[in-house]
Amino acid sequence: MRHRKLEERHIVCELRCETTNRERVRQLIVQFVEPARLEEGCLYYHLHQKLDDPNTFFIIDGWANEDAVDKHASNPHVAEVMKELAPLLTFGPSITLSSRVSD
């Protein structure tokens, strides 16, 4: 079991937008959630909004291993949503990939 936990990959993806685009950006990134949760290897997939800067969103997700991350990143659904989302962003997506170092 310990070995499998060490293979996990955890991601924090930061996205920022202008206030005028905030609601549309939220609508678009919410479209990532349910499809990602259905992907093989998804441990969790959550969307967060910064309290002191509501134009900043975070997608925080966990995957069983690097292969699951790669498959998620190449999912056509992600590319489809990004076509409309990318022009609305002022920053990001900025992706931080990490591995577990403790139980």
PDB file of N, CA and C in Angstrom:
ATOM      1  N   MET A   1       0.829  -1.202   0.000  1.00  0.00           N
ATOM      2  CA  MET A   1       0.000   0.000   0.000  1.00  0.00           C
ATOM      3  C   MET A   1       0.870   1.260   0.000  1.00  0.00           C
ATOM      4  N   ARG A   2       1.908   1.277   0.814  1.00  0.00           N
ATOM      5  CA  ARG A   2       2.771   2.447   0.907  1.00  0.00           C
ATOM      6  C   ARG A   2       3.355   2.793  -0.461  1.00  0.00           C
ATOM      7  N   HIS A   3       3.790   1.775  -1.203  1.00  0.00           N
ATOM      8  CA  HIS A   3       4.379   1.997  -2.520  1.00  0.00           C
ATOM      9  C   HIS A   3       3.391   2.706  -3.442  1.00  0.00           C
ATOM     10  N   ARG A   4       2.126   2.304  -3.410  1.00  0.00           N
ATOM     11  CA  ARG A   4       1.124   2.940  -4.272  1.00  0.00           C
ATOM     12  C   ARG A   4       0.931   4.404  -3.912  1.00  0.00           C
ATOM     13  N   LYS A   5       0.948   4.707  -2.632  1.00  0.00           N
ATOM     14  CA  LYS A   5       0.786   6.109  -2.226  1.00  0.00           C
ATOM     15  C   LYS A   5       1.954   6.956  -2.720  1.00  0.00           C
ATOM     16  N   LEU A   6       3.137   6.393  -2.758  1.00  0.00           N
ATOM     17  CA  LEU A   6       4.298   7.134  -3.242  1.00  0.00           C
ATOM     18  C   LEU A   6       4.224   7.382  -4.748  1.00  0.00           C
ATOM     19  N   GLU A   7       3.448   6.592  -5.468  1.00  0.00           N
ATOM     20  CA  GLU A   7       3.263   6.783  -6.906  1.00  0.00           C
ATOM     21  C   GLU A   7       2.229   7.861  -7.212  1.00  0.00           C
ATOM     22  N   GLU A   8       1.435   8.244  -6.229  1.00  0.00           N
ATOM     23  CA  GLU A   8       0.388   9.249  -6.453  1.00  0.00           C
ATOM     24  C   GLU A   8       0.992  10.557  -6.947  1.00  0.00           C
ATOM     25  N   ARG A   9       0.201  11.256  -7.750  1.00  0.00           N
ATOM     26  CA  ARG A   9       0.577  12.583  -8.220  1.00  0.00           C
ATOM     27  C   ARG A   9      -0.547  13.533  -7.869  1.00  0.00           C
ATOM     28  N   HIS A  10      -0.181  14.680  -7.329  1.00  0.00           N
ATOM     29  CA  HIS A  10      -1.156  15.676  -6.894  1.00  0.00           C
ATOM     30  C   HIS A  10      -0.861  16.981  -7.620  1.00  0.00           C
ATOM     31  N   ILE A  11      -1.917  17.632  -8.059  1.00  0.00           N
ATOM     32  CA  ILE A  11      -1.781  18.812  -8.904  1.00  0.00           C
ATOM     33  C   ILE A  11      -2.539  19.988  -8.307  1.00  0.00           C
ATOM     34  N   VAL A  12      -1.909  21.147  -8.354  1.00  0.00           N
ATOM     35  CA  VAL A  12      -2.585  22.410  -8.080  1.00  0.00           C
ATOM     36  C   VAL A  12      -2.450  23.233  -9.353  1.00  0.00           C
ATOM     37  N   CYS A  13      -3.588  23.583  -9.924  1.00  0.00           N
ATOM     38  CA  CYS A  13      -3.623  24.377 -11.153  1.00  0.00           C
ATOM     39  C   CYS A  13      -4.258  25.721 -10.818  1.00  0.00           C
ATOM     40  N   GLU A  14      -3.522  26.795 -11.046  1.00  0.00           N
ATOM     41  CA  GLU A  14      -4.022  28.147 -10.758  1.00  0.00           C
ATOM     42  C   GLU A  14      -4.437  28.829 -12.053  1.00  0.00           C
ATOM     43  N   LEU A  15      -5.601  29.481 -11.981  1.00  0.00           N
ATOM     44  CA  LEU A  15      -6.162  30.213 -13.116  1.00  0.00           C
ATOM     45  C   LEU A  15      -6.659  31.564 -12.613  1.00  0.00           C
ATOM     46  N   ARG A  16      -6.394  32.614 -13.375  1.00  0.00           N
ATOM     47  CA  ARG A  16      -6.883  33.945 -13.002  1.00  0.00           C
ATOM     48  C   ARG A  16      -7.567  34.598 -14.197  1.00  0.00           C
ATOM     49  N   CYS A  17      -8.526  35.472 -13.873  1.00  0.00           N
ATOM     50  CA  CYS A  17      -9.278  36.161 -14.917  1.00  0.00           C
ATOM     51  C   CYS A  17      -9.647  37.566 -14.454  1.00  0.00           C
ATOM     52  N   GLU A  18     -10.211  38.333 -15.369  1.00  0.00           N
ATOM     53  CA  GLU A  18     -10.755  39.647 -15.029  1.00  0.00           C
ATOM     54  C   GLU A  18     -12.142  39.448 -14.416  1.00  0.00           C
ATOM     55  N   THR A  19     -12.568  40.409 -13.619  1.00  0.00           N
ATOM     56  CA  THR A  19     -13.877  40.335 -12.959  1.00  0.00           C
ATOM     57  C   THR A  19     -15.004  40.163 -13.980  1.00  0.00           C
ATOM     58  N   THR A  20     -14.898  40.840 -15.105  1.00  0.00           N
ATOM     59  CA  THR A  20     -15.966  40.755 -16.119  1.00  0.00           C
ATOM     60  C   THR A  20     -16.121  39.349 -16.697  1.00  0.00           C
ATOM     61  N   ASN A  21     -15.077  38.540 -16.616  1.00  0.00           N
ATOM     62  CA  ASN A  21     -15.124  37.176 -17.153  1.00  0.00           C
ATOM     63  C   ASN A  21     -15.279  36.103 -16.073  1.00  0.00           C
ATOM     64  N   ARG A  22     -15.317  36.512 -14.819  1.00  0.00           N
ATOM     65  CA  ARG A  22     -15.282  35.561 -13.708  1.00  0.00           C
ATOM     66  C   ARG A  22     -16.366  34.485 -13.787  1.00  0.00           C
ATOM     67  N   GLU A  23     -17.602  34.873 -14.021  1.00  0.00           N
ATOM     68  CA  GLU A  23     -18.686  33.889 -14.028  1.00  0.00           C
ATOM     69  C   GLU A  23     -18.535  32.911 -15.189  1.00  0.00           C
ATOM     70  N   ARG A  24     -18.148  33.397 -16.352  1.00  0.00           N
ATOM     71  CA  ARG A  24     -17.961  32.489 -17.495  1.00  0.00           C
ATOM     72  C   ARG A  24     -16.781  31.549 -17.267  1.00  0.00           C
ATOM     73  N   VAL A  25     -15.707  32.070 -16.696  1.00  0.00           N
ATOM     74  CA  VAL A  25     -14.551  31.223 -16.370  1.00  0.00           C
ATOM     75  C   VAL A  25     -14.969  30.143 -15.384  1.00  0.00           C
ATOM     76  N   ARG A  26     -15.717  30.506 -14.366  1.00  0.00           N
ATOM     77  CA  ARG A  26     -16.186  29.512 -13.392  1.00  0.00           C
ATOM     78  C   ARG A  26     -17.034  28.442 -14.089  1.00  0.00           C
ATOM     79  N   GLN A  27     -17.937  28.868 -14.941  1.00  0.00           N
ATOM     80  CA  GLN A  27     -18.787  27.919 -15.668  1.00  0.00           C
ATOM     81  C   GLN A  27     -17.953  26.953 -16.500  1.00  0.00           C
ATOM     82  N   LEU A  28     -16.918  27.466 -17.125  1.00  0.00           N
ATOM     83  CA  LEU A  28     -16.076  26.617 -17.975  1.00  0.00           C
ATOM     84  C   LEU A  28     -15.244  25.635 -17.148  1.00  0.00           C
ATOM     85  N   ILE A  29     -14.627  26.107 -16.080  1.00  0.00           N
ATOM     86  CA  ILE A  29     -13.770  25.182 -15.324  1.00  0.00           C
ATOM     87  C   ILE A  29     -14.575  24.155 -14.541  1.00  0.00           C
ATOM     88  N   VAL A  30     -15.805  24.478 -14.214  1.00  0.00           N
ATOM     89  CA  VAL A  30     -16.676  23.477 -13.590  1.00  0.00           C
ATOM     90  C   VAL A  30     -16.896  22.301 -14.550  1.00  0.00           C
ATOM     91  N   GLN A  31     -16.829  22.568 -15.846  1.00  0.00           N
ATOM     92  CA  GLN A  31     -17.013  21.504 -16.837  1.00  0.00           C
ATOM     93  C   GLN A  31     -15.894  20.451 -16.795  1.00  0.00           C
ATOM     94  N   PHE A  32     -14.768  20.781 -16.181  1.00  0.00           N
ATOM     95  CA  PHE A  32     -13.685  19.808 -16.034  1.00  0.00           C
ATOM     96  C   PHE A  32     -13.988  18.755 -14.965  1.00  0.00           C
ATOM     97  N   VAL A  33     -14.758  19.126 -13.950  1.00  0.00           N
ATOM     98  CA  VAL A  33     -14.860  18.345 -12.717  1.00  0.00           C
ATOM     99  C   VAL A  33     -15.429  16.944 -12.922  1.00  0.00           C
ATOM    100  N   GLU A  34     -16.658  16.829 -13.323  1.00  0.00           N
ATOM    101  CA  GLU A  34     -17.289  15.506 -13.395  1.00  0.00           C
ATOM    102  C   GLU A  34     -16.604  14.562 -14.380  1.00  0.00           C
ATOM    103  N   PRO A  35     -16.262  15.018 -15.594  1.00  0.00           N
ATOM    104  CA  PRO A  35     -15.553  14.103 -16.497  1.00  0.00           C
ATOM    105  C   PRO A  35     -14.227  13.605 -15.904  1.00  0.00           C
ATOM    106  N   ALA A  36     -13.491  14.482 -15.238  1.00  0.00           N
ATOM    107  CA  ALA A  36     -12.208  14.076 -14.647  1.00  0.00           C
ATOM    108  C   ALA A  36     -12.426  13.038 -13.548  1.00  0.00           C
ATOM    109  N   ARG A  37     -13.452  13.233 -12.746  1.00  0.00           N
ATOM    110  CA  ARG A  37     -13.719  12.289 -11.659  1.00  0.00           C
ATOM    111  C   ARG A  37     -14.052  10.896 -12.172  1.00  0.00           C
ATOM    112  N   LEU A  38     -14.517  10.802 -13.413  1.00  0.00           N
ATOM    113  CA  LEU A  38     -14.853   9.511 -14.005  1.00  0.00           C
ATOM    114  C   LEU A  38     -13.646   8.827 -14.660  1.00  0.00           C
ATOM    115  N   GLU A  39     -12.546   9.555 -14.805  1.00  0.00           N
ATOM    116  CA  GLU A  39     -11.361   8.995 -15.447  1.00  0.00           C
ATOM    117  C   GLU A  39     -10.686   7.966 -14.537  1.00  0.00           C
ATOM    118  N   GLU A  40     -10.144   6.944 -15.165  1.00  0.00           N
ATOM    119  CA  GLU A  40      -9.414   5.922 -14.421  1.00  0.00           C
ATOM    120  C   GLU A  40      -8.202   6.564 -13.743  1.00  0.00           C
ATOM    121  N   GLY A  41      -8.022   6.282 -12.481  1.00  0.00           N
ATOM    122  CA  GLY A  41      -6.872   6.796 -11.745  1.00  0.00           C
ATOM    123  C   GLY A  41      -7.113   8.107 -11.022  1.00  0.00           C
ATOM    124  N   CYS A  42      -8.289   8.707 -11.183  1.00  0.00           N
ATOM    125  CA  CYS A  42      -8.581   9.957 -10.474  1.00  0.00           C
ATOM    126  C   CYS A  42      -8.905   9.646  -9.011  1.00  0.00           C
ATOM    127  N   LEU A  43      -8.162  10.239  -8.101  1.00  0.00           N
ATOM    128  CA  LEU A  43      -8.396  10.067  -6.667  1.00  0.00           C
ATOM    129  C   LEU A  43      -9.360  11.134  -6.147  1.00  0.00           C
ATOM    130  N   TYR A  44      -9.221  12.340  -6.657  1.00  0.00           N
ATOM    131  CA  TYR A  44     -10.107  13.455  -6.316  1.00  0.00           C
ATOM    132  C   TYR A  44      -9.891  14.565  -7.330  1.00  0.00           C
ATOM    133  N   TYR A  45     -10.884  15.438  -7.451  1.00  0.00           N
ATOM    134  CA  TYR A  45     -10.796  16.554  -8.391  1.00  0.00           C
ATOM    135  C   TYR A  45     -11.725  17.635  -7.867  1.00  0.00           C
ATOM    136  N   HIS A  46     -11.156  18.752  -7.406  1.00  0.00           N
ATOM    137  CA  HIS A  46     -11.953  19.806  -6.763  1.00  0.00           C
ATOM    138  C   HIS A  46     -11.612  21.178  -7.345  1.00  0.00           C
ATOM    139  N   LEU A  47     -12.603  22.018  -7.386  1.00  0.00           N
ATOM    140  CA  LEU A  47     -12.442  23.402  -7.830  1.00  0.00           C
ATOM    141  C   LEU A  47     -12.593  24.320  -6.617  1.00  0.00           C
ATOM    142  N   HIS A  48     -11.647  25.251  -6.484  1.00  0.00           N
ATOM    143  CA  HIS A  48     -11.675  26.208  -5.383  1.00  0.00           C
ATOM    144  C   HIS A  48     -11.563  27.620  -5.939  1.00  0.00           C
ATOM    145  N   GLN A  49     -12.092  28.583  -5.166  1.00  0.00           N
ATOM    146  CA  GLN A  49     -12.008  29.999  -5.530  1.00  0.00           C
ATOM    147  C   GLN A  49     -11.391  30.736  -4.354  1.00  0.00           C
ATOM    148  N   LYS A  50     -10.415  31.569  -4.623  1.00  0.00           N
ATOM    149  CA  LYS A  50      -9.699  32.293  -3.581  1.00  0.00           C
ATOM    150  C   LYS A  50     -10.635  33.285  -2.897  1.00  0.00           C
ATOM    151  N   LEU A  51     -10.660  33.275  -1.586  1.00  0.00           N
ATOM    152  CA  LEU A  51     -11.583  34.136  -0.830  1.00  0.00           C
ATOM    153  C   LEU A  51     -11.254  35.617  -0.969  1.00  0.00           C
ATOM    154  N   ASP A  52      -9.967  35.965  -0.891  1.00  0.00           N
ATOM    155  CA  ASP A  52      -9.611  37.380  -0.929  1.00  0.00           C
ATOM    156  C   ASP A  52      -9.353  37.892  -2.356  1.00  0.00           C
ATOM    157  N   ASP A  53      -9.490  37.014  -3.334  1.00  0.00           N
ATOM    158  CA  ASP A  53      -9.356  37.402  -4.734  1.00  0.00           C
ATOM    159  C   ASP A  53     -10.214  36.444  -5.571  1.00  0.00           C
ATOM    160  N   PRO A  54     -11.515  36.712  -5.674  1.00  0.00           N
ATOM    161  CA  PRO A  54     -12.418  35.777  -6.338  1.00  0.00           C
ATOM    162  C   PRO A  54     -12.171  35.600  -7.837  1.00  0.00           C
ATOM    163  N   ASN A  55     -11.226  36.347  -8.399  1.00  0.00           N
ATOM    164  CA  ASN A  55     -10.847  36.148  -9.804  1.00  0.00           C
ATOM    165  C   ASN A  55      -9.784  35.061  -9.948  1.00  0.00           C
ATOM    166  N   THR A  56      -9.391  34.459  -8.839  1.00  0.00           N
ATOM    167  CA  THR A  56      -8.391  33.392  -8.838  1.00  0.00           C
ATOM    168  C   THR A  56      -9.061  32.075  -8.460  1.00  0.00           C
ATOM    169  N   PHE A  57      -8.850  31.084  -9.306  1.00  0.00           N
ATOM    170  CA  PHE A  57      -9.400  29.742  -9.087  1.00  0.00           C
ATOM    171  C   PHE A  57      -8.257  28.742  -8.997  1.00  0.00           C
ATOM    172  N   PHE A  58      -8.508  27.670  -8.275  1.00  0.00           N
ATOM    173  CA  PHE A  58      -7.561  26.564  -8.183  1.00  0.00           C
ATOM    174  C   PHE A  58      -8.301  25.270  -8.477  1.00  0.00           C
ATOM    175  N   ILE A  59      -7.706  24.454  -9.307  1.00  0.00           N
ATOM    176  CA  ILE A  59      -8.159  23.077  -9.476  1.00  0.00           C
ATOM    177  C   ILE A  59      -7.148  22.243  -8.706  1.00  0.00           C
ATOM    178  N   ILE A  60      -7.638  21.482  -7.751  1.00  0.00           N
ATOM    179  CA  ILE A  60      -6.772  20.648  -6.923  1.00  0.00           C
ATOM    180  C   ILE A  60      -7.198  19.207  -7.151  1.00  0.00           C
ATOM    181  N   ASP A  61      -6.283  18.431  -7.714  1.00  0.00           N
ATOM    182  CA  ASP A  61      -6.649  17.067  -8.082  1.00  0.00           C
ATOM    183  C   ASP A  61      -5.535  16.084  -7.754  1.00  0.00           C
ATOM    184  N   GLY A  62      -5.947  14.834  -7.574  1.00  0.00           N
ATOM    185  CA  GLY A  62      -4.998  13.774  -7.254  1.00  0.00           C
ATOM    186  C   GLY A  62      -5.220  12.592  -8.176  1.00  0.00           C
ATOM    187  N   TRP A  63      -4.117  11.945  -8.528  1.00  0.00           N
ATOM    188  CA  TRP A  63      -4.132  10.840  -9.478  1.00  0.00           C
ATOM    189  C   TRP A  63      -3.313   9.685  -8.938  1.00  0.00           C
ATOM    190  N   ALA A  64      -3.672   8.488  -9.331  1.00  0.00           N
ATOM    191  CA  ALA A  64      -3.023   7.284  -8.817  1.00  0.00           C
ATOM    192  C   ALA A  64      -1.550   7.206  -9.183  1.00  0.00           C
ATOM    193  N   ASN A  65      -1.190   7.744 -10.359  1.00  0.00           N
ATOM    194  CA  ASN A  65       0.196   7.660 -10.810  1.00  0.00           C
ATOM    195  C   ASN A  65       0.408   8.609 -12.003  1.00  0.00           C
ATOM    196  N   GLU A  66       1.623   8.648 -12.476  1.00  0.00           N
ATOM    197  CA  GLU A  66       1.986   9.545 -13.580  1.00  0.00           C
ATOM    198  C   GLU A  66       1.220   9.206 -14.859  1.00  0.00           C
ATOM    199  N   ASP A  67       0.978   7.919 -15.088  1.00  0.00           N
ATOM    200  CA  ASP A  67       0.237   7.503 -16.275  1.00  0.00           C
ATOM    201  C   ASP A  67      -1.175   8.090 -16.277  1.00  0.00           C
ATOM    202  N   ALA A  68      -1.824   8.091 -15.117  1.00  0.00           N
ATOM    203  CA  ALA A  68      -3.174   8.661 -15.018  1.00  0.00           C
ATOM    204  C   ALA A  68      -3.153  10.162 -15.298  1.00  0.00           C
ATOM    205  N   VAL A  69      -2.120  10.854 -14.842  1.00  0.00           N
ATOM    206  CA  VAL A  69      -1.971  12.293 -15.116  1.00  0.00           C
ATOM    207  C   VAL A  69      -1.818  12.522 -16.616  1.00  0.00           C
ATOM    208  N   ASP A  70      -0.973  11.722 -17.248  1.00  0.00           N
ATOM    209  CA  ASP A  70      -0.742  11.876 -18.686  1.00  0.00           C
ATOM    210  C   ASP A  70      -2.024  11.643 -19.484  1.00  0.00           C
ATOM    211  N   LYS A  71      -2.771  10.625 -19.110  1.00  0.00           N
ATOM    212  CA  LYS A  71      -4.027  10.339 -19.809  1.00  0.00           C
ATOM    213  C   LYS A  71      -5.022  11.479 -19.615  1.00  0.00           C
ATOM    214  N   HIS A  72      -5.079  12.020 -18.405  1.00  0.00           N
ATOM    215  CA  HIS A  72      -5.983  13.145 -18.147  1.00  0.00           C
ATOM    216  C   HIS A  72      -5.583  14.354 -19.001  1.00  0.00           C
ATOM    217  N   ALA A  73      -4.312  14.655 -19.028  1.00  0.00           N
ATOM    218  CA  ALA A  73      -3.829  15.830 -19.772  1.00  0.00           C
ATOM    219  C   ALA A  73      -4.113  15.721 -21.264  1.00  0.00           C
ATOM    220  N   SER A  74      -4.172  14.502 -21.774  1.00  0.00           N
ATOM    221  CA  SER A  74      -4.421  14.331 -23.205  1.00  0.00           C
ATOM    222  C   SER A  74      -5.892  14.057 -23.515  1.00  0.00           C
ATOM    223  N   ASN A  75      -6.752  14.169 -22.518  1.00  0.00           N
ATOM    224  CA  ASN A  75      -8.185  13.941 -22.724  1.00  0.00           C
ATOM    225  C   ASN A  75      -8.749  15.020 -23.660  1.00  0.00           C
ATOM    226  N   PRO A  76      -9.445  14.630 -24.722  1.00  0.00           N
ATOM    227  CA  PRO A  76     -10.001  15.617 -25.666  1.00  0.00           C
ATOM    228  C   PRO A  76     -10.950  16.612 -25.006  1.00  0.00           C
ATOM    229  N   HIS A  77     -11.611  16.211 -23.935  1.00  0.00           N
ATOM    230  CA  HIS A  77     -12.533  17.122 -23.238  1.00  0.00           C
ATOM    231  C   HIS A  77     -11.774  18.328 -22.669  1.00  0.00           C
ATOM    232  N   VAL A  78     -10.590  18.086 -22.139  1.00  0.00           N
ATOM    233  CA  VAL A  78      -9.775  19.174 -21.582  1.00  0.00           C
ATOM    234  C   VAL A  78      -9.437  20.179 -22.683  1.00  0.00           C
ATOM    235  N   ALA A  79      -8.985  19.686 -23.807  1.00  0.00           N
ATOM    236  CA  ALA A  79      -8.627  20.570 -24.930  1.00  0.00           C
ATOM    237  C   ALA A  79      -9.838  21.342 -25.432  1.00  0.00           C
ATOM    238  N   GLU A  80     -10.977  20.698 -25.469  1.00  0.00           N
ATOM    239  CA  GLU A  80     -12.200  21.351 -25.951  1.00  0.00           C
ATOM    240  C   GLU A  80     -12.589  22.533 -25.060  1.00  0.00           C
ATOM    241  N   VAL A  81     -12.576  22.337 -23.757  1.00  0.00           N
ATOM    242  CA  VAL A  81     -12.929  23.416 -22.831  1.00  0.00           C
ATOM    243  C   VAL A  81     -11.866  24.524 -22.875  1.00  0.00           C
ATOM    244  N   MET A  82     -10.596  24.130 -22.983  1.00  0.00           N
ATOM    245  CA  MET A  82      -9.519  25.113 -22.994  1.00  0.00           C
ATOM    246  C   MET A  82      -9.597  26.059 -24.189  1.00  0.00           C
ATOM    247  N   LYS A  83     -10.172  25.629 -25.289  1.00  0.00           N
ATOM    248  CA  LYS A  83     -10.311  26.509 -26.460  1.00  0.00           C
ATOM    249  C   LYS A  83     -11.062  27.783 -26.104  1.00  0.00           C
ATOM    250  N   GLU A  84     -12.125  27.651 -25.333  1.00  0.00           N
ATOM    251  CA  GLU A  84     -12.904  28.832 -24.937  1.00  0.00           C
ATOM    252  C   GLU A  84     -12.337  29.485 -23.682  1.00  0.00           C
ATOM    253  N   LEU A  85     -11.770  28.678 -22.779  1.00  0.00           N
ATOM    254  CA  LEU A  85     -11.280  29.189 -21.507  1.00  0.00           C
ATOM    255  C   LEU A  85     -10.006  30.018 -21.656  1.00  0.00           C
ATOM    256  N   ALA A  86      -9.047  29.549 -22.404  1.00  0.00           N
ATOM    257  CA  ALA A  86      -7.729  30.192 -22.490  1.00  0.00           C
ATOM    258  C   ALA A  86      -7.774  31.688 -22.805  1.00  0.00           C
ATOM    259  N   PRO A  87      -8.585  32.132 -23.770  1.00  0.00           N
ATOM    260  CA  PRO A  87      -8.603  33.567 -24.067  1.00  0.00           C
ATOM    261  C   PRO A  87      -9.172  34.433 -22.933  1.00  0.00           C
ATOM    262  N   LEU A  88      -9.869  33.820 -21.988  1.00  0.00           N
ATOM    263  CA  LEU A  88     -10.474  34.568 -20.883  1.00  0.00           C
ATOM    264  C   LEU A  88      -9.549  34.692 -19.681  1.00  0.00           C
ATOM    265  N   LEU A  89      -8.421  34.008 -19.719  1.00  0.00           N
ATOM    266  CA  LEU A  89      -7.510  34.002 -18.578  1.00  0.00           C
ATOM    267  C   LEU A  89      -6.478  35.111 -18.668  1.00  0.00           C
ATOM    268  N   THR A  90      -6.166  35.696 -17.517  1.00  0.00           N
ATOM    269  CA  THR A  90      -5.069  36.666 -17.429  1.00  0.00           C
ATOM    270  C   THR A  90      -3.804  36.006 -16.905  1.00  0.00           C
ATOM    271  N   PHE A  91      -3.945  34.805 -16.344  1.00  0.00           N
ATOM    272  CA  PHE A  91      -2.814  34.036 -15.817  1.00  0.00           C
ATOM    273  C   PHE A  91      -3.192  32.561 -15.829  1.00  0.00           C
ATOM    274  N   GLY A  92      -2.244  31.756 -16.234  1.00  0.00           N
ATOM    275  CA  GLY A  92      -2.450  30.321 -16.157  1.00  0.00           C
ATOM    276  C   GLY A  92      -2.945  29.731 -17.458  1.00  0.00           C
ATOM    277  N   PRO A  93      -3.156  28.474 -17.449  1.00  0.00           N
ATOM    278  CA  PRO A  93      -3.053  27.635 -16.261  1.00  0.00           C
ATOM    279  C   PRO A  93      -1.599  27.438 -15.821  1.00  0.00           C
ATOM    280  N   SER A  94      -1.369  27.646 -14.536  1.00  0.00           N
ATOM    281  CA  SER A  94      -0.073  27.393 -13.917  1.00  0.00           C
ATOM    282  C   SER A  94      -0.214  26.101 -13.128  1.00  0.00           C
ATOM    283  N   ILE A  95       0.567  25.097 -13.494  1.00  0.00           N
ATOM    284  CA  ILE A  95       0.391  23.774 -12.918  1.00  0.00           C
ATOM    285  C   ILE A  95       1.585  23.420 -12.045  1.00  0.00           C
ATOM    286  N   THR A  96       1.284  23.016 -10.808  1.00  0.00           N
ATOM    287  CA  THR A  96       2.277  22.508  -9.889  1.00  0.00           C
ATOM    288  C   THR A  96       1.996  21.036  -9.668  1.00  0.00           C
ATOM    289  N   LEU A  97       2.937  20.192 -10.034  1.00  0.00           N
ATOM    290  CA  LEU A  97       2.803  18.747  -9.888  1.00  0.00           C
ATOM    291  C   LEU A  97       3.656  18.316  -8.701  1.00  0.00           C
ATOM    292  N   SER A  98       3.075  17.506  -7.827  1.00  0.00           N
ATOM    293  CA  SER A  98       3.815  17.052  -6.652  1.00  0.00           C
ATOM    294  C   SER A  98       3.565  15.570  -6.409  1.00  0.00           C
ATOM    295  N   SER A  99       4.462  14.993  -5.606  1.00  0.00           N
ATOM    296  CA  SER A  99       4.301  13.613  -5.180  1.00  0.00           C
ATOM    297  C   SER A  99       4.230  13.576  -3.663  1.00  0.00           C
ATOM    298  N   ARG A 100       3.673  12.514  -3.167  1.00  0.00           N
ATOM    299  CA  ARG A 100       3.513  12.345  -1.719  1.00  0.00           C
ATOM    300  C   ARG A 100       4.871  11.982  -1.118  1.00  0.00           C
ATOM    301  N   VAL A 101       5.216  12.603   0.005  1.00  0.00           N
ATOM    302  CA  VAL A 101       6.451  12.268   0.696  1.00  0.00           C
ATOM    303  C   VAL A 101       6.200  11.742   2.104  1.00  0.00           C
ATOM    304  N   SER A 102       4.932  11.690   2.495  1.00  0.00           N
ATOM    305  CA  SER A 102       4.604  11.131   3.805  1.00  0.00           C
ATOM    306  C   SER A 102       3.323  10.322   3.694  1.00  0.00           C
ATOM    307  N   ASP A 103       3.099   9.459   4.663  1.00  0.00           N
ATOM    308  CA  ASP A 103       1.849   8.690   4.692  1.00  0.00           C
ATOM    309  C   ASP A 103       0.711   9.533   5.186  1.00  0.00           C
TER     310      ASP A 103
END
